[in-house]
Amino acid sequence: MTYHSVMQESIDRELEDRDAHYTYFQYWRKLKAGDYDQDFVDAVFLNSWQKEPDIYDAYIFAQIQYAVASGMLIYTKIPAGSEPSEDANDYANNKKLESLPEPFSGSFMGGPRGPGDGHIKWKESLPFMNQYGKIVQEFQPGTATLEVGTTCSTTTAYHLAFKRRLARWPYGQDIIWLFFLIDNEFWTVSYD
């Protein structure tokens, strides 16, 4: 059983509740209508060009929006200088990652190799501030899995649930979104 199928079964159980179904249906409707900031949506999931958002995308997007609004999920934007190239072009994407600002560096190994297209690393502590300029979290030097281009919402959920961090470089964007899930109770995974 894959993580994607486990996540979908979990969401299906949640949607058996009529109120929950209605709530996530509204998210789905708004996603399809383009009512949310498209750059943020694409950072959470960017389906292949033919696939429209589904109820699973809506559920995960709603959960991520809630986590950001409540301070359980924080993120920063790293200027990449250019949009990513297609997955098959390892050389071009690695060349682009060479221009990341200090303290960041990156590596790309695209294609269907499992979860992740590479890594983003930082060699200094990263302070995260709230809207009042107060440092609320500081991350020691480390690494995050990099997902480039298209990705499904369950892949984003997988990285956040298991690794608690994710770097996203969606097609059409010249920034890399670096997400950190700082609440250890949110999205803990169970295979009941």
Foldseek 3Di string as FASTA:
>chain_A
DDLVVLLVVVVVVVCVDPVSVVVLVVLLVCQQVVVDDVVVLVQLFDAPPVDGDDSSSSVLVVLVVVCVVVVQKDKDKWQQPDAADDQVCQPRRQVSQPPTDPPKGWHAQGDPPDQAGTKIWHQAKDFDADPVRHGDDIHGTDMAGEDEAGDHNSSSLVRCQPVQWYWYRYGPDRIIMIMGRRDNVPNHDDSD
